[in-house]
Amino acid sequence: MSPIPKPFDAAAFRANAVPRLEADLPQHTTSSARLVDRGDHDLDPTASSWLTPGETYREAAVLVPLVDRGSELHVLFTQRTDELPTHAGQISFPGGKIDDRDAGPVAAALRETHEETGIAPGFVDVVGYLDGYRTGTGYRITPVVAIVSQGFRLLPEPGEVAEIFEVPLAFLMDAGNHRTDSMVWRGKRRHYYAMPYGERYIWGATAGILRNLFERAYLDT
């Protein structure tokens, strides 16, 4: 597979990338051979065994927000505060667990985005979906891809979001900026995607979801 050179503005993304995304919500299924979803097991085949006996995947959704800056799209991220009990300080997409009050993954992603960043649903145009992503920590994430128009006001959620920032989509969709790193976790070496951007260390599920966007939208298969 080789990269497809394309402009990274909103019009080009809608014309060239969106048709390569899932038009409907992905169905989370398994087979006896392998998990259909993408996830931590892409680089660590034992990831499904990280769950404790009897533990099941918890449904979650994230928004992959592509902010339309005119000449190019930027991907918006949140950085979690250091005080959170899980994933403290990590870079994430806005999103979280799907609650009973949510009509589904899209509703959850939009609600969480509004709560975490202040971006109201009226600024968000959902254009497609990536493959479901399973994490070794027990979440099954539905990534919702959207183009976000300008004019919103950022209001980071106190106590949860330390900072909100953007990275050019062109940087993240350049395979030369993708790498695989590893760490020892629960006594075993784990491997994961990472896409460092200056002092920002984008890694784990967030980088894995971006890698899926790259493979779906920017590789000539």
N, C-alpha and C. Protein backbone atom coordinates (compact mmCIF):
# COMPACT_ATOMS: atom_id res chain seq x y z
N MET A 1 0.85 -1.19 0.00
CA MET A 1 0.00 0.00 0.00
C MET A 1 0.88 1.24 0.00
N SER A 2 0.46 2.26 -0.71
CA SER A 2 1.23 3.49 -0.78
C SER A 2 0.34 4.68 -0.44
N PRO A 3 0.93 5.75 0.11
CA PRO A 3 0.13 6.91 0.49
C PRO A 3 -0.52 7.58 -0.72
N ILE A 4 -1.71 8.14 -0.51
CA ILE A 4 -2.40 8.90 -1.54
C ILE A 4 -2.16 10.38 -1.27
N PRO A 5 -1.45 11.10 -2.16
CA PRO A 5 -1.24 12.52 -1.91
C PRO A 5 -2.53 13.30 -2.14
N LYS A 6 -3.00 14.00 -1.13
CA LYS A 6 -4.23 14.79 -1.25
C LYS A 6 -4.08 16.05 -0.43
N PRO A 7 -4.73 17.12 -0.84
CA PRO A 7 -4.81 18.28 0.04
C PRO A 7 -5.57 17.89 1.31
N PHE A 8 -5.34 18.64 2.35
CA PHE A 8 -5.95 18.31 3.63
C PHE A 8 -6.95 19.36 4.07
N ASP A 9 -7.64 19.96 3.11
CA ASP A 9 -8.70 20.90 3.45
C ASP A 9 -10.03 20.15 3.53
N ALA A 10 -11.06 20.83 4.01
CA ALA A 10 -12.35 20.18 4.25
C ALA A 10 -12.97 19.66 2.96
N ALA A 11 -12.89 20.44 1.88
CA ALA A 11 -13.51 20.01 0.61
C ALA A 11 -12.86 18.74 0.09
N ALA A 12 -11.53 18.68 0.13
CA ALA A 12 -10.83 17.49 -0.34
C ALA A 12 -11.12 16.29 0.55
N PHE A 13 -11.22 16.53 1.86
CA PHE A 13 -11.52 15.42 2.77
C PHE A 13 -12.91 14.86 2.48
N ARG A 14 -13.88 15.73 2.27
CA ARG A 14 -15.23 15.26 1.98
C ARG A 14 -15.26 14.48 0.66
N ALA A 15 -14.52 14.96 -0.33
CA ALA A 15 -14.56 14.33 -1.65
C ALA A 15 -13.77 13.04 -1.71
N ASN A 16 -12.64 12.98 -1.04
CA ASN A 16 -11.73 11.85 -1.21
C ASN A 16 -11.67 10.89 -0.03
N ALA A 17 -11.77 11.42 1.19
CA ALA A 17 -11.61 10.57 2.36
C ALA A 17 -12.94 10.02 2.87
N VAL A 18 -13.96 10.86 2.91
CA VAL A 18 -15.24 10.43 3.49
C VAL A 18 -15.79 9.17 2.81
N PRO A 19 -15.71 9.03 1.47
CA PRO A 19 -16.22 7.79 0.86
C PRO A 19 -15.49 6.54 1.34
N ARG A 20 -14.33 6.67 1.92
CA ARG A 20 -13.57 5.52 2.42
C ARG A 20 -13.90 5.18 3.88
N LEU A 21 -14.69 6.02 4.51
CA LEU A 21 -15.09 5.76 5.89
C LEU A 21 -16.35 4.90 5.90
N GLU A 22 -16.65 4.36 7.08
CA GLU A 22 -17.92 3.65 7.25
C GLU A 22 -19.05 4.67 7.20
N ALA A 23 -20.04 4.40 6.36
CA ALA A 23 -21.18 5.31 6.28
C ALA A 23 -22.15 5.09 7.42
N ASP A 24 -22.17 3.87 7.95
CA ASP A 24 -23.06 3.51 9.06
C ASP A 24 -22.23 3.15 10.28
N LEU A 25 -22.87 3.16 11.42
CA LEU A 25 -22.18 2.79 12.64
C LEU A 25 -21.60 1.38 12.52
N PRO A 26 -20.34 1.19 12.91
CA PRO A 26 -19.74 -0.15 12.81
C PRO A 26 -20.40 -1.12 13.77
N GLN A 27 -20.53 -2.35 13.32
CA GLN A 27 -21.09 -3.40 14.16
C GLN A 27 -19.95 -4.13 14.86
N HIS A 28 -20.01 -4.19 16.18
CA HIS A 28 -18.97 -4.87 16.96
C HIS A 28 -19.27 -6.36 16.96
N THR A 29 -18.43 -7.12 16.29
CA THR A 29 -18.64 -8.56 16.24
C THR A 29 -17.32 -9.27 16.45
N THR A 30 -17.40 -10.55 16.78
CA THR A 30 -16.21 -11.37 16.92
C THR A 30 -16.40 -12.64 16.11
N SER A 31 -15.31 -13.27 15.78
CA SER A 31 -15.35 -14.58 15.15
C SER A 31 -14.41 -15.48 15.91
N SER A 32 -14.46 -16.75 15.61
CA SER A 32 -13.56 -17.67 16.30
C SER A 32 -12.11 -17.42 15.90
N ALA A 33 -11.90 -16.75 14.76
CA ALA A 33 -10.54 -16.55 14.27
C ALA A 33 -9.90 -15.31 14.89
N ARG A 34 -10.66 -14.19 14.96
CA ARG A 34 -10.04 -12.96 15.45
C ARG A 34 -11.14 -11.95 15.76
N LEU A 35 -10.75 -10.88 16.42
CA LEU A 35 -11.66 -9.78 16.62
C LEU A 35 -11.80 -9.00 15.32
N VAL A 36 -13.02 -8.65 14.96
CA VAL A 36 -13.23 -7.86 13.75
C VAL A 36 -12.79 -6.42 13.99
N ASP A 37 -13.03 -5.89 15.19
CA ASP A 37 -12.64 -4.53 15.51
C ASP A 37 -11.13 -4.37 15.46
N ARG A 38 -10.70 -3.11 15.28
CA ARG A 38 -9.31 -2.76 15.49
C ARG A 38 -9.09 -2.59 16.98
N GLY A 39 -7.82 -2.38 17.36
CA GLY A 39 -7.60 -2.15 18.78
C GLY A 39 -6.17 -2.38 19.20
N ASP A 40 -5.99 -2.41 20.52
CA ASP A 40 -4.66 -2.64 21.07
C ASP A 40 -4.07 -3.96 20.60
N HIS A 41 -4.94 -4.90 20.23
CA HIS A 41 -4.46 -6.20 19.77
C HIS A 41 -3.82 -6.14 18.39
N ASP A 42 -3.94 -4.99 17.67
CA ASP A 42 -3.26 -4.87 16.38
C ASP A 42 -1.76 -5.07 16.54
N LEU A 43 -1.20 -4.51 17.59
CA LEU A 43 0.24 -4.65 17.85
C LEU A 43 0.53 -5.62 18.98
N ASP A 44 -0.46 -5.91 19.79
CA ASP A 44 -0.31 -6.84 20.91
C ASP A 44 -1.41 -7.89 20.84
N PRO A 45 -1.17 -9.03 20.19
CA PRO A 45 -2.22 -10.04 20.03
C PRO A 45 -2.81 -10.53 21.35
N THR A 46 -2.10 -10.35 22.46
CA THR A 46 -2.59 -10.84 23.75
C THR A 46 -3.47 -9.81 24.46
N ALA A 47 -3.77 -8.69 23.80
CA ALA A 47 -4.48 -7.60 24.50
C ALA A 47 -5.80 -8.04 25.09
N SER A 48 -6.53 -8.94 24.42
CA SER A 48 -7.83 -9.36 24.95
C SER A 48 -7.68 -10.11 26.27
N SER A 49 -6.50 -10.66 26.52
CA SER A 49 -6.28 -11.39 27.77
C SER A 49 -5.93 -10.46 28.92
N TRP A 50 -5.82 -9.14 28.65
CA TRP A 50 -5.54 -8.21 29.73
C TRP A 50 -6.74 -8.04 30.65
N LEU A 51 -7.93 -8.34 30.15
CA LEU A 51 -9.12 -8.21 30.97
C LEU A 51 -9.12 -9.26 32.06
N THR A 52 -9.68 -8.91 33.20
CA THR A 52 -9.78 -9.87 34.28
C THR A 52 -10.87 -10.89 33.96
N PRO A 53 -10.79 -12.11 34.53
CA PRO A 53 -11.79 -13.12 34.23
C PRO A 53 -13.21 -12.62 34.49
N GLY A 54 -14.09 -12.81 33.51
CA GLY A 54 -15.47 -12.38 33.63
C GLY A 54 -15.72 -10.94 33.23
N GLU A 55 -14.67 -10.17 32.98
CA GLU A 55 -14.83 -8.77 32.59
C GLU A 55 -15.28 -8.68 31.14
N THR A 56 -16.22 -7.81 30.85
CA THR A 56 -16.71 -7.61 29.49
C THR A 56 -16.36 -6.19 29.04
N TYR A 57 -16.39 -5.98 27.73
CA TYR A 57 -16.07 -4.66 27.20
C TYR A 57 -17.18 -3.67 27.52
N ARG A 58 -16.78 -2.47 27.93
CA ARG A 58 -17.71 -1.38 28.18
C ARG A 58 -17.78 -0.51 26.93
N GLU A 59 -18.99 -0.16 26.51
CA GLU A 59 -19.17 0.61 25.28
C GLU A 59 -18.84 2.08 25.50
N ALA A 60 -18.07 2.63 24.57
CA ALA A 60 -17.69 4.04 24.63
C ALA A 60 -17.68 4.62 23.23
N ALA A 61 -17.63 5.93 23.14
CA ALA A 61 -17.57 6.61 21.84
C ALA A 61 -16.68 7.82 21.98
N VAL A 62 -15.96 8.14 20.91
CA VAL A 62 -15.16 9.36 20.88
C VAL A 62 -15.47 10.10 19.59
N LEU A 63 -15.28 11.41 19.63
CA LEU A 63 -15.36 12.22 18.43
C LEU A 63 -13.94 12.44 17.92
N VAL A 64 -13.75 12.22 16.61
CA VAL A 64 -12.49 12.57 15.96
C VAL A 64 -12.76 13.91 15.28
N PRO A 65 -12.49 15.04 15.96
CA PRO A 65 -12.94 16.35 15.48
C PRO A 65 -11.90 16.97 14.53
N LEU A 66 -12.31 17.15 13.28
CA LEU A 66 -11.46 17.78 12.27
C LEU A 66 -11.93 19.22 12.11
N VAL A 67 -11.17 20.13 12.68
CA VAL A 67 -11.57 21.54 12.69
C VAL A 67 -11.21 22.18 11.36
N ASP A 68 -12.20 22.78 10.72
CA ASP A 68 -12.00 23.42 9.43
C ASP A 68 -11.36 24.79 9.63
N ARG A 69 -10.06 24.87 9.32
CA ARG A 69 -9.33 26.13 9.45
C ARG A 69 -9.15 26.82 8.09
N GLY A 70 -9.98 26.47 7.15
CA GLY A 70 -9.93 27.11 5.85
C GLY A 70 -9.01 26.38 4.90
N SER A 71 -7.74 26.68 4.98
CA SER A 71 -6.78 26.06 4.06
C SER A 71 -6.46 24.63 4.43
N GLU A 72 -6.72 24.22 5.68
CA GLU A 72 -6.44 22.85 6.09
C GLU A 72 -7.26 22.48 7.32
N LEU A 73 -7.38 21.17 7.52
CA LEU A 73 -8.05 20.64 8.69
C LEU A 73 -7.05 20.42 9.81
N HIS A 74 -7.49 20.65 11.02
CA HIS A 74 -6.69 20.36 12.20
C HIS A 74 -7.47 19.38 13.08
N VAL A 75 -6.77 18.47 13.72
CA VAL A 75 -7.41 17.52 14.63
C VAL A 75 -7.36 18.10 16.04
N LEU A 76 -8.49 18.12 16.71
CA LEU A 76 -8.58 18.66 18.06
C LEU A 76 -8.45 17.54 19.09
N PHE A 77 -7.64 17.80 20.11
CA PHE A 77 -7.40 16.84 21.19
C PHE A 77 -7.63 17.51 22.54
N THR A 78 -7.88 16.67 23.54
CA THR A 78 -7.87 17.14 24.92
C THR A 78 -6.71 16.47 25.65
N GLN A 79 -6.17 17.18 26.62
CA GLN A 79 -5.17 16.57 27.52
C GLN A 79 -5.81 16.48 28.89
N ARG A 80 -5.85 15.26 29.42
CA ARG A 80 -6.51 15.02 30.69
C ARG A 80 -5.67 15.58 31.84
N THR A 81 -6.35 15.94 32.92
CA THR A 81 -5.64 16.48 34.08
C THR A 81 -4.85 15.38 34.77
N ASP A 82 -3.87 15.79 35.54
CA ASP A 82 -3.03 14.82 36.26
C ASP A 82 -3.72 14.23 37.47
N GLU A 83 -4.88 14.79 37.84
CA GLU A 83 -5.56 14.33 39.06
C GLU A 83 -6.55 13.19 38.81
N LEU A 84 -6.81 12.87 37.54
CA LEU A 84 -7.81 11.84 37.26
C LEU A 84 -7.31 10.46 37.68
N PRO A 85 -8.22 9.58 38.13
CA PRO A 85 -7.79 8.26 38.62
C PRO A 85 -7.30 7.33 37.52
N THR A 86 -7.75 7.54 36.28
CA THR A 86 -7.30 6.70 35.16
C THR A 86 -6.86 7.58 34.00
N HIS A 87 -5.84 7.13 33.28
CA HIS A 87 -5.33 7.81 32.09
C HIS A 87 -4.98 9.28 32.38
N ALA A 88 -4.50 9.54 33.58
CA ALA A 88 -4.15 10.91 33.97
C ALA A 88 -3.08 11.47 33.04
N GLY A 89 -3.28 12.71 32.62
CA GLY A 89 -2.30 13.41 31.81
C GLY A 89 -2.22 13.00 30.36
N GLN A 90 -2.99 12.01 29.96
CA GLN A 90 -2.89 11.50 28.60
C GLN A 90 -3.65 12.38 27.61
N ILE A 91 -3.23 12.30 26.34
CA ILE A 91 -3.89 13.00 25.25
C ILE A 91 -4.98 12.11 24.68
N SER A 92 -6.16 12.67 24.51
CA SER A 92 -7.32 11.88 24.10
C SER A 92 -8.16 12.65 23.10
N PHE A 93 -9.07 11.92 22.45
CA PHE A 93 -10.18 12.56 21.76
C PHE A 93 -11.28 12.83 22.78
N PRO A 94 -12.10 13.86 22.59
CA PRO A 94 -13.24 14.02 23.48
C PRO A 94 -14.19 12.84 23.34
N GLY A 95 -14.67 12.36 24.46
CA GLY A 95 -15.56 11.21 24.42
C GLY A 95 -15.54 10.47 25.74
N GLY A 96 -16.25 9.36 25.79
CA GLY A 96 -16.30 8.58 27.01
C GLY A 96 -17.33 7.48 26.92
N LYS A 97 -17.70 6.97 28.08
CA LYS A 97 -18.63 5.85 28.17
C LYS A 97 -20.00 6.24 27.63
N ILE A 98 -20.66 5.30 26.94
CA ILE A 98 -22.03 5.52 26.47
C ILE A 98 -22.98 5.26 27.63
N ASP A 99 -23.71 6.29 28.04
CA ASP A 99 -24.63 6.18 29.17
C ASP A 99 -26.01 5.74 28.70
N ASP A 100 -26.82 5.32 29.66
CA ASP A 100 -28.20 4.93 29.34
C ASP A 100 -29.00 6.09 28.75
N ARG A 101 -28.64 7.31 29.10
CA ARG A 101 -29.37 8.49 28.60
C ARG A 101 -29.04 8.79 27.15
N ASP A 102 -27.96 8.20 26.62
CA ASP A 102 -27.54 8.47 25.24
C ASP A 102 -28.31 7.62 24.25
N ALA A 103 -28.68 8.21 23.12
CA ALA A 103 -29.40 7.47 22.09
C ALA A 103 -28.49 6.52 21.33
N GLY A 104 -27.18 6.63 21.51
CA GLY A 104 -26.22 5.77 20.83
C GLY A 104 -24.85 6.41 20.83
N PRO A 105 -23.91 5.84 20.07
CA PRO A 105 -22.54 6.36 20.07
C PRO A 105 -22.41 7.80 19.63
N VAL A 106 -23.17 8.21 18.60
CA VAL A 106 -23.07 9.59 18.13
C VAL A 106 -23.53 10.55 19.22
N ALA A 107 -24.65 10.24 19.84
CA ALA A 107 -25.17 11.10 20.90
C ALA A 107 -24.17 11.19 22.05
N ALA A 108 -23.56 10.07 22.39
CA ALA A 108 -22.57 10.07 23.47
C ALA A 108 -21.35 10.91 23.11
N ALA A 109 -20.86 10.75 21.87
CA ALA A 109 -19.68 11.51 21.44
C ALA A 109 -19.96 13.01 21.44
N LEU A 110 -21.15 13.40 20.96
CA LEU A 110 -21.50 14.81 20.93
C LEU A 110 -21.68 15.37 22.33
N ARG A 111 -22.34 14.61 23.19
CA ARG A 111 -22.54 15.06 24.58
C ARG A 111 -21.20 15.24 25.29
N GLU A 112 -20.34 14.23 25.20
CA GLU A 112 -19.05 14.29 25.88
C GLU A 112 -18.19 15.43 25.32
N THR A 113 -18.26 15.64 24.01
CA THR A 113 -17.49 16.72 23.41
C THR A 113 -17.94 18.07 23.94
N HIS A 114 -19.26 18.24 24.05
CA HIS A 114 -19.79 19.50 24.59
C HIS A 114 -19.37 19.69 26.04
N GLU A 115 -19.47 18.62 26.83
CA GLU A 115 -19.12 18.71 28.25
C GLU A 115 -17.63 18.97 28.44
N GLU A 116 -16.79 18.31 27.65
CA GLU A 116 -15.34 18.40 27.87
C GLU A 116 -14.71 19.64 27.24
N THR A 117 -15.26 20.10 26.12
CA THR A 117 -14.60 21.18 25.38
C THR A 117 -15.44 22.44 25.23
N GLY A 118 -16.74 22.34 25.41
CA GLY A 118 -17.63 23.46 25.17
C GLY A 118 -18.13 23.57 23.75
N ILE A 119 -17.66 22.68 22.85
CA ILE A 119 -18.10 22.73 21.45
C ILE A 119 -19.52 22.16 21.36
N ALA A 120 -20.46 22.99 20.96
CA ALA A 120 -21.86 22.58 20.87
C ALA A 120 -22.09 21.74 19.62
N PRO A 121 -23.07 20.83 19.64
CA PRO A 121 -23.36 19.97 18.49
C PRO A 121 -23.62 20.73 17.19
N GLY A 122 -24.10 21.97 17.28
CA GLY A 122 -24.40 22.73 16.08
C GLY A 122 -23.18 23.04 15.22
N PHE A 123 -21.98 22.95 15.81
CA PHE A 123 -20.75 23.19 15.06
C PHE A 123 -20.20 21.90 14.44
N VAL A 124 -20.84 20.77 14.73
CA VAL A 124 -20.27 19.46 14.40
C VAL A 124 -21.07 18.79 13.29
N ASP A 125 -20.39 18.42 12.21
CA ASP A 125 -21.01 17.70 11.10
C ASP A 125 -20.40 16.31 11.03
N VAL A 126 -21.15 15.31 11.47
CA VAL A 126 -20.66 13.93 11.45
C VAL A 126 -20.60 13.45 9.99
N VAL A 127 -19.43 12.95 9.58
CA VAL A 127 -19.24 12.55 8.17
C VAL A 127 -18.97 11.05 8.00
N GLY A 128 -18.79 10.31 9.10
CA GLY A 128 -18.55 8.88 8.97
C GLY A 128 -17.96 8.29 10.22
N TYR A 129 -17.57 7.03 10.10
CA TYR A 129 -17.11 6.28 11.26
C TYR A 129 -15.87 5.46 10.90
N LEU A 130 -15.04 5.24 11.90
CA LEU A 130 -13.91 4.33 11.76
C LEU A 130 -14.28 2.99 12.36
N ASP A 131 -13.40 2.01 12.20
CA ASP A 131 -13.64 0.70 12.79
C ASP A 131 -13.70 0.84 14.32
N GLY A 132 -14.51 0.00 14.94
CA GLY A 132 -14.53 -0.03 16.39
C GLY A 132 -13.13 -0.33 16.92
N TYR A 133 -12.81 0.20 18.08
CA TYR A 133 -11.47 0.03 18.66
C TYR A 133 -11.59 -0.54 20.07
N ARG A 134 -10.99 -1.70 20.27
CA ARG A 134 -11.01 -2.35 21.59
C ARG A 134 -9.70 -2.07 22.32
N THR A 135 -9.82 -1.69 23.57
CA THR A 135 -8.63 -1.41 24.37
C THR A 135 -8.37 -2.56 25.34
N GLY A 136 -7.10 -2.71 25.69
CA GLY A 136 -6.74 -3.73 26.66
C GLY A 136 -7.25 -3.43 28.06
N THR A 137 -7.73 -2.19 28.27
CA THR A 137 -8.28 -1.82 29.56
C THR A 137 -9.80 -2.03 29.62
N GLY A 138 -10.37 -2.63 28.56
CA GLY A 138 -11.76 -3.07 28.65
C GLY A 138 -12.80 -2.19 28.02
N TYR A 139 -12.41 -1.27 27.12
CA TYR A 139 -13.39 -0.44 26.43
C TYR A 139 -13.48 -0.82 24.97
N ARG A 140 -14.67 -0.72 24.42
CA ARG A 140 -14.92 -0.91 23.00
C ARG A 140 -15.42 0.44 22.48
N ILE A 141 -14.57 1.12 21.73
CA ILE A 141 -14.80 2.51 21.35
C ILE A 141 -15.33 2.61 19.92
N THR A 142 -16.35 3.40 19.73
CA THR A 142 -16.83 3.75 18.40
C THR A 142 -16.28 5.12 18.05
N PRO A 143 -15.37 5.24 17.07
CA PRO A 143 -14.84 6.56 16.68
C PRO A 143 -15.76 7.22 15.64
N VAL A 144 -16.25 8.40 15.99
CA VAL A 144 -17.16 9.17 15.14
C VAL A 144 -16.35 10.31 14.52
N VAL A 145 -16.24 10.33 13.19
CA VAL A 145 -15.45 11.35 12.49
C VAL A 145 -16.35 12.52 12.12
N ALA A 146 -15.89 13.73 12.41
CA ALA A 146 -16.72 14.91 12.14
C ALA A 146 -15.86 16.08 11.72
N ILE A 147 -16.43 16.93 10.88
CA ILE A 147 -15.81 18.21 10.53
C ILE A 147 -16.47 19.28 11.39
N VAL A 148 -15.64 20.04 12.07
CA VAL A 148 -16.11 21.06 13.01
C VAL A 148 -15.88 22.44 12.41
N SER A 149 -16.94 23.21 12.30
CA SER A 149 -16.82 24.56 11.75
C SER A 149 -16.29 25.53 12.79
N GLN A 150 -15.70 26.61 12.34
CA GLN A 150 -15.15 27.61 13.24
C GLN A 150 -16.27 28.42 13.89
N GLY A 151 -15.89 29.13 14.96
CA GLY A 151 -16.84 29.98 15.66
C GLY A 151 -17.18 29.49 17.05
N PHE A 152 -16.76 28.27 17.40
CA PHE A 152 -17.05 27.74 18.73
C PHE A 152 -16.15 28.42 19.77
N ARG A 153 -16.60 28.33 21.00
CA ARG A 153 -15.83 28.85 22.13
C ARG A 153 -15.42 27.67 23.01
N LEU A 154 -14.13 27.56 23.27
CA LEU A 154 -13.64 26.45 24.07
C LEU A 154 -13.85 26.71 25.55
N LEU A 155 -14.41 25.71 26.23
CA LEU A 155 -14.62 25.76 27.68
C LEU A 155 -14.20 24.42 28.26
N PRO A 156 -12.90 24.25 28.56
CA PRO A 156 -12.43 22.96 29.10
C PRO A 156 -13.16 22.60 30.39
N GLU A 157 -13.53 21.34 30.50
CA GLU A 157 -14.25 20.88 31.69
C GLU A 157 -13.32 20.90 32.90
N PRO A 158 -13.66 21.66 33.94
CA PRO A 158 -12.77 21.75 35.11
C PRO A 158 -12.57 20.39 35.77
N GLY A 159 -11.34 20.12 36.17
CA GLY A 159 -11.03 18.89 36.87
C GLY A 159 -10.79 17.70 35.98
N GLU A 160 -11.16 17.81 34.69
CA GLU A 160 -10.97 16.68 33.79
C GLU A 160 -10.07 17.03 32.61
N VAL A 161 -10.24 18.21 32.06
CA VAL A 161 -9.48 18.61 30.88
C VAL A 161 -8.51 19.71 31.26
N ALA A 162 -7.22 19.41 31.13
CA ALA A 162 -6.19 20.39 31.46
C ALA A 162 -5.95 21.36 30.32
N GLU A 163 -6.10 20.86 29.08
CA GLU A 163 -5.78 21.70 27.92
C GLU A 163 -6.47 21.12 26.69
N ILE A 164 -6.78 22.00 25.74
CA ILE A 164 -7.31 21.60 24.44
C ILE A 164 -6.39 22.19 23.38
N PHE A 165 -5.99 21.37 22.42
CA PHE A 165 -5.06 21.85 21.41
C PHE A 165 -5.35 21.16 20.08
N GLU A 166 -4.72 21.66 19.02
CA GLU A 166 -4.93 21.12 17.67
C GLU A 166 -3.59 20.75 17.04
N VAL A 167 -3.65 19.76 16.14
CA VAL A 167 -2.50 19.32 15.36
C VAL A 167 -2.95 19.24 13.90
N PRO A 168 -2.16 19.74 12.95
CA PRO A 168 -2.56 19.64 11.55
C PRO A 168 -2.81 18.19 11.12
N LEU A 169 -3.92 17.96 10.42
CA LEU A 169 -4.23 16.63 9.94
C LEU A 169 -3.12 16.11 9.03
N ALA A 170 -2.52 16.99 8.24
CA ALA A 170 -1.46 16.58 7.32
C ALA A 170 -0.30 15.93 8.07
N PHE A 171 0.04 16.45 9.24
CA PHE A 171 1.12 15.86 10.04
C PHE A 171 0.73 14.46 10.50
N LEU A 172 -0.48 14.31 10.99
CA LEU A 172 -0.91 13.02 11.55
C LEU A 172 -1.15 11.97 10.47
N MET A 173 -1.43 12.38 9.25
CA MET A 173 -1.65 11.44 8.17
C MET A 173 -0.38 11.18 7.35
N ASP A 174 0.76 11.59 7.87
CA ASP A 174 2.05 11.31 7.24
C ASP A 174 2.65 10.10 7.93
N ALA A 175 2.79 8.99 7.20
CA ALA A 175 3.30 7.75 7.80
C ALA A 175 4.68 7.93 8.41
N GLY A 176 5.43 8.91 7.91
CA GLY A 176 6.75 9.17 8.48
C GLY A 176 6.69 9.66 9.92
N ASN A 177 5.51 10.11 10.36
CA ASN A 177 5.35 10.57 11.74
C ASN A 177 4.72 9.51 12.64
N HIS A 178 4.54 8.30 12.12
CA HIS A 178 3.99 7.19 12.91
C HIS A 178 5.14 6.30 13.38
N ARG A 179 5.06 5.88 14.60
CA ARG A 179 6.07 4.93 15.09
C ARG A 179 5.42 3.98 16.08
N THR A 180 6.10 2.90 16.39
CA THR A 180 5.63 1.99 17.42
C THR A 180 6.59 2.06 18.60
N ASP A 181 6.02 2.26 19.78
CA ASP A 181 6.78 2.31 21.02
C ASP A 181 6.31 1.18 21.93
N SER A 182 6.95 1.03 23.06
CA SER A 182 6.56 -0.03 24.00
C SER A 182 6.84 0.41 25.42
N MET A 183 6.17 -0.26 26.34
CA MET A 183 6.42 -0.07 27.76
C MET A 183 6.06 -1.36 28.49
N VAL A 184 6.55 -1.49 29.70
CA VAL A 184 6.18 -2.64 30.53
C VAL A 184 4.96 -2.24 31.35
N TRP A 185 3.89 -3.02 31.21
CA TRP A 185 2.64 -2.77 31.92
C TRP A 185 2.11 -4.09 32.42
N ARG A 186 1.79 -4.14 33.69
CA ARG A 186 1.33 -5.37 34.34
C ARG A 186 2.30 -6.52 34.10
N GLY A 187 3.58 -6.19 34.15
CA GLY A 187 4.61 -7.20 34.09
C GLY A 187 4.98 -7.69 32.70
N LYS A 188 4.34 -7.13 31.65
CA LYS A 188 4.64 -7.56 30.28
C LYS A 188 4.89 -6.34 29.39
N ARG A 189 5.73 -6.53 28.39
CA ARG A 189 6.01 -5.44 27.46
C ARG A 189 4.85 -5.31 26.47
N ARG A 190 4.31 -4.11 26.38
CA ARG A 190 3.19 -3.81 25.49
C ARG A 190 3.67 -2.88 24.38
N HIS A 191 3.13 -3.07 23.19
CA HIS A 191 3.50 -2.26 22.03
C HIS A 191 2.30 -1.44 21.58
N TYR A 192 2.54 -0.23 21.10
CA TYR A 192 1.45 0.66 20.73
C TYR A 192 1.95 1.69 19.71
N TYR A 193 1.01 2.30 18.99
CA TYR A 193 1.36 3.38 18.07
C TYR A 193 1.60 4.67 18.85
N ALA A 194 2.50 5.50 18.30
CA ALA A 194 2.75 6.82 18.87
C ALA A 194 3.00 7.80 17.73
N MET A 195 2.54 9.03 17.92
CA MET A 195 2.71 10.09 16.92
C MET A 195 3.11 11.37 17.64
N PRO A 196 4.35 11.47 18.11
CA PRO A 196 4.76 12.67 18.85
C PRO A 196 4.70 13.90 17.96
N TYR A 197 4.24 14.99 18.56
CA TYR A 197 4.15 16.27 17.85
C TYR A 197 4.75 17.33 18.77
N GLY A 198 6.00 17.69 18.52
CA GLY A 198 6.69 18.58 19.43
C GLY A 198 6.76 17.96 20.81
N GLU A 199 6.26 18.67 21.81
CA GLU A 199 6.24 18.16 23.18
C GLU A 199 5.01 17.31 23.47
N ARG A 200 4.12 17.19 22.50
CA ARG A 200 2.89 16.40 22.69
C ARG A 200 3.17 14.95 22.34
N TYR A 201 2.85 14.04 23.24
CA TYR A 201 3.06 12.62 23.00
C TYR A 201 1.71 11.95 22.81
N ILE A 202 1.31 11.79 21.56
CA ILE A 202 0.03 11.17 21.21
C ILE A 202 0.28 9.68 21.04
N TRP A 203 -0.40 8.85 21.83
CA TRP A 203 -0.06 7.43 21.80
C TRP A 203 -1.28 6.60 22.20
N GLY A 204 -1.07 5.28 22.21
CA GLY A 204 -2.10 4.36 22.68
C GLY A 204 -3.32 4.34 21.78
N ALA A 205 -4.50 4.27 22.39
CA ALA A 205 -5.74 4.17 21.62
C ALA A 205 -5.93 5.37 20.72
N THR A 206 -5.55 6.56 21.18
CA THR A 206 -5.72 7.76 20.36
C THR A 206 -4.90 7.65 19.08
N ALA A 207 -3.64 7.26 19.21
CA ALA A 207 -2.80 7.08 18.02
C ALA A 207 -3.28 5.91 17.18
N GLY A 208 -3.78 4.86 17.82
CA GLY A 208 -4.30 3.71 17.08
C GLY A 208 -5.50 4.07 16.23
N ILE A 209 -6.38 4.93 16.74
CA ILE A 209 -7.54 5.37 15.98
C ILE A 209 -7.10 6.25 14.81
N LEU A 210 -6.10 7.11 15.04
CA LEU A 210 -5.56 7.92 13.94
C LEU A 210 -4.92 7.04 12.87
N ARG A 211 -4.24 5.99 13.30
CA ARG A 211 -3.64 5.06 12.33
C ARG A 211 -4.73 4.42 11.47
N ASN A 212 -5.86 4.08 12.08
CA ASN A 212 -6.98 3.52 11.34
C ASN A 212 -7.53 4.52 10.33
N LEU A 213 -7.61 5.81 10.73
CA LEU A 213 -8.03 6.84 9.79
C LEU A 213 -7.06 6.93 8.62
N PHE A 214 -5.78 6.88 8.90
CA PHE A 214 -4.76 6.92 7.85
C PHE A 214 -4.92 5.74 6.88
N GLU A 215 -5.08 4.54 7.42
CA GLU A 215 -5.18 3.36 6.57
C GLU A 215 -6.47 3.37 5.75
N ARG A 216 -7.54 3.87 6.32
CA ARG A 216 -8.82 3.89 5.60
C ARG A 216 -8.85 4.98 4.54
N ALA A 217 -8.37 6.18 4.89
CA ALA A 217 -8.61 7.34 4.05
C ALA A 217 -7.42 7.77 3.20
N TYR A 218 -6.21 7.35 3.58
CA TYR A 218 -5.05 7.89 2.90
C TYR A 218 -4.08 6.85 2.36
N LEU A 219 -4.50 5.61 2.29
CA LEU A 219 -3.67 4.59 1.68
C LEU A 219 -4.37 4.06 0.43
N ASP A 220 -3.61 3.86 -0.62
CA ASP A 220 -4.15 3.28 -1.85
C ASP A 220 -4.07 1.77 -1.74
N THR A 221 -5.22 1.16 -1.51
CA THR A 221 -5.24 -0.28 -1.33
C THR A 221 -5.58 -0.99 -2.63
